[in-house]
Structures are given as structure tokens and as C-alpha cells.
Amino acid sequence: MSVHDQEDFARVYDEDEMIPIRKGDLRALLDVASTSMDFGSGMLNDEEVEILRAAAVVLSIDPMTVTPSGHHCKYAPHVWRWQPSYYSQPTGQWRCQFCFLEDLERAAPNEETNGE
């Protein structure tokens, strides 16, 4: 699934001319983008994330490794973790560790599973 497949998707970058680039240079550029201090800050839009993911595929890198956590659940299932109560719920709640979506209908874990 890709944001490019969405009905309301509109490209921001419309320069489609192809240029050659060395794989090592592309890898260096991807490293700069994905290790930036701003990488996980939510600064990247959907199209920019798609570009990072496409570059990763060209380099035979799992695209999830360059997908910021805020975009993770667009490409993979939620990863639920039990969040003990810090004031919001009486006992705690299930929360996705990537997008922080809450599942208030899922039953609390029993102590034997230790929250997993």
C-alpha cells in the first residue's frame, strides 16, 4: 500500500526526468535523511516518506527502516503495548507504540502475560 494509491493524493514534486546517480551516493543521501535529528519529529510529509522508502527499495534496504515512526502504521499493523495508568484510565490502556492510537475496548492484560 502506498499513499500514491490514495484517491486524494497529489504530487508535490512533479519533476519526472530521470538522472543517473551512484548507489553509494544515494545510500549516503538516504543516510543523511534518515539519521537527521529531525527525522522522527513529524517533519516529513507522506510524499517525502514515499521517496525515502523508494530509495531504500532501490538499495535493497527494508523500507520500514527508513519509515519514521509517525508513518509506521500506514505500512504495517499497529504494535500494541500496555500502558499503565498515569491518570487517564483507572488501570491503564493499550496504545500503539508508533502512532499512539489508543484501544480502549481491548481487555487489560492478565499478570501472567506481563502486558504482552
Protein backbone atom coordinates (compact mmCIF):
# COMPACT_ATOMS: atom_id res chain seq x y z
CA MET A 1 0.00 0.00 0.00
CA SER A 2 1.22 3.47 -0.84
CA VAL A 3 -0.09 6.97 -0.32
CA HIS A 4 0.28 7.30 -4.10
CA ASP A 5 -2.66 4.86 -4.37
CA GLN A 6 -4.96 7.13 -2.39
CA GLU A 7 -7.69 8.94 -4.32
CA ASP A 8 -6.79 12.40 -2.99
CA PHE A 9 -3.02 12.05 -3.49
CA ALA A 10 -1.40 14.93 -5.38
CA ARG A 11 2.32 15.01 -6.11
CA VAL A 12 4.22 17.98 -4.76
CA TYR A 13 7.36 17.23 -6.74
CA ASP A 14 6.50 16.96 -10.42
CA GLU A 15 9.97 16.77 -11.97
CA ASP A 16 9.93 13.31 -13.51
CA GLU A 17 13.13 13.47 -15.54
CA MET A 18 15.34 10.52 -14.65
CA ILE A 19 19.00 11.08 -13.80
CA PRO A 20 21.75 8.59 -13.08
CA ILE A 21 23.13 8.51 -9.55
CA ARG A 22 25.69 6.20 -7.99
CA LYS A 23 24.19 3.77 -5.46
CA GLY A 24 26.77 4.85 -2.89
CA ASP A 25 25.69 8.46 -3.29
CA LEU A 26 22.02 7.50 -2.99
CA ARG A 27 22.83 5.50 0.14
CA ALA A 28 24.71 8.48 1.61
CA LEU A 29 21.76 10.77 0.86
CA LEU A 30 19.35 8.28 2.44
CA ASP A 31 21.62 8.02 5.50
CA VAL A 32 21.65 11.81 5.88
CA ALA A 33 17.86 11.99 5.63
CA SER A 34 17.09 9.06 7.92
CA THR A 35 19.62 9.92 10.63
CA SER A 36 18.78 13.61 10.82
CA MET A 37 17.79 14.84 14.27
CA ASP A 38 14.51 15.95 12.67
CA PHE A 39 13.79 12.52 11.10
CA GLY A 40 11.26 11.32 13.67
CA SER A 41 9.89 14.74 14.52
CA GLY A 42 6.94 14.55 12.14
CA MET A 43 8.52 16.98 9.70
CA LEU A 44 8.19 14.62 6.72
CA ASN A 45 5.00 14.52 4.69
CA ASP A 46 3.59 11.40 3.04
CA GLU A 47 5.28 12.03 -0.31
CA GLU A 48 8.68 12.57 1.29
CA VAL A 49 8.32 9.31 3.21
CA GLU A 50 7.40 7.56 -0.05
CA ILE A 51 10.60 8.89 -1.62
CA LEU A 52 12.71 7.60 1.27
CA ARG A 53 11.01 4.22 1.04
CA ALA A 54 11.52 4.05 -2.75
CA ALA A 55 15.23 4.85 -2.33
CA ALA A 56 15.51 2.11 0.29
CA VAL A 57 13.97 -0.44 -2.08
CA VAL A 58 16.43 0.53 -4.84
CA LEU A 59 19.23 -0.10 -2.34
CA SER A 60 17.73 -3.43 -1.17
CA ILE A 61 17.03 -1.98 2.30
CA ASP A 62 13.83 -2.83 4.14
CA PRO A 63 11.74 0.34 3.63
CA MET A 64 10.45 0.15 7.21
CA THR A 65 13.97 1.04 8.43
CA VAL A 66 13.61 4.49 6.83
CA THR A 67 9.95 4.98 7.70
CA PRO A 68 9.51 7.47 10.54
CA SER A 69 7.53 6.11 13.46
CA GLY A 70 4.71 8.58 12.83
CA HIS A 71 4.16 6.94 9.42
CA HIS A 72 4.78 3.34 10.52
CA CYS A 73 1.12 2.33 10.82
CA LYS A 74 0.38 3.39 7.23
CA TYR A 75 2.56 0.49 6.08
CA ALA A 76 2.42 -2.08 8.88
CA PRO A 77 -0.01 -3.18 11.59
CA HIS A 78 -0.20 -1.37 14.91
CA VAL A 79 2.14 -2.67 17.59
CA TRP A 80 0.09 -2.67 20.79
CA ARG A 81 1.73 -2.24 24.18
CA TRP A 82 0.05 -1.98 27.57
CA GLN A 83 0.45 1.50 29.03
CA PRO A 84 -0.01 1.56 32.83
CA SER A 85 -2.25 4.31 34.09
CA TYR A 86 -0.73 7.74 34.52
CA TYR A 87 -4.04 9.46 35.31
CA SER A 88 -6.14 8.82 32.16
CA GLN A 89 -7.65 5.36 32.74
CA PRO A 90 -8.26 3.56 36.04
CA THR A 91 -5.85 0.70 35.26
CA GLY A 92 -4.13 1.63 32.03
CA GLN A 93 -4.70 1.24 28.32
CA TRP A 94 -3.44 -0.40 25.15
CA ARG A 95 -1.54 2.03 22.94
CA CYS A 96 0.27 1.62 19.62
CA GLN A 97 3.96 2.20 20.25
CA PHE A 98 4.31 4.00 16.90
CA CYS A 99 1.24 6.17 16.28
CA PHE A 100 0.00 6.25 19.91
CA LEU A 101 -3.54 5.25 18.90
CA GLU A 102 -5.44 4.01 21.95
CA ASP A 103 -7.55 0.83 22.04
CA LEU A 104 -9.95 1.34 24.94
CA GLU A 105 -12.02 -1.74 24.11
CA ARG A 106 -9.26 -4.34 24.42
CA ALA A 107 -9.23 -6.07 27.78
CA ALA A 108 -6.42 -5.33 30.21
CA PRO A 109 -3.65 -7.96 30.17
CA ASN A 110 -3.53 -10.53 32.90
CA GLU A 111 -0.45 -10.54 35.11
CA GLU A 112 0.81 -13.82 33.63
CA THR A 113 1.37 -12.23 30.20
CA ASN A 114 3.16 -9.23 31.72
CA GLY A 115 1.39 -6.81 29.40
CA GLU A 116 2.21 -8.55 26.13
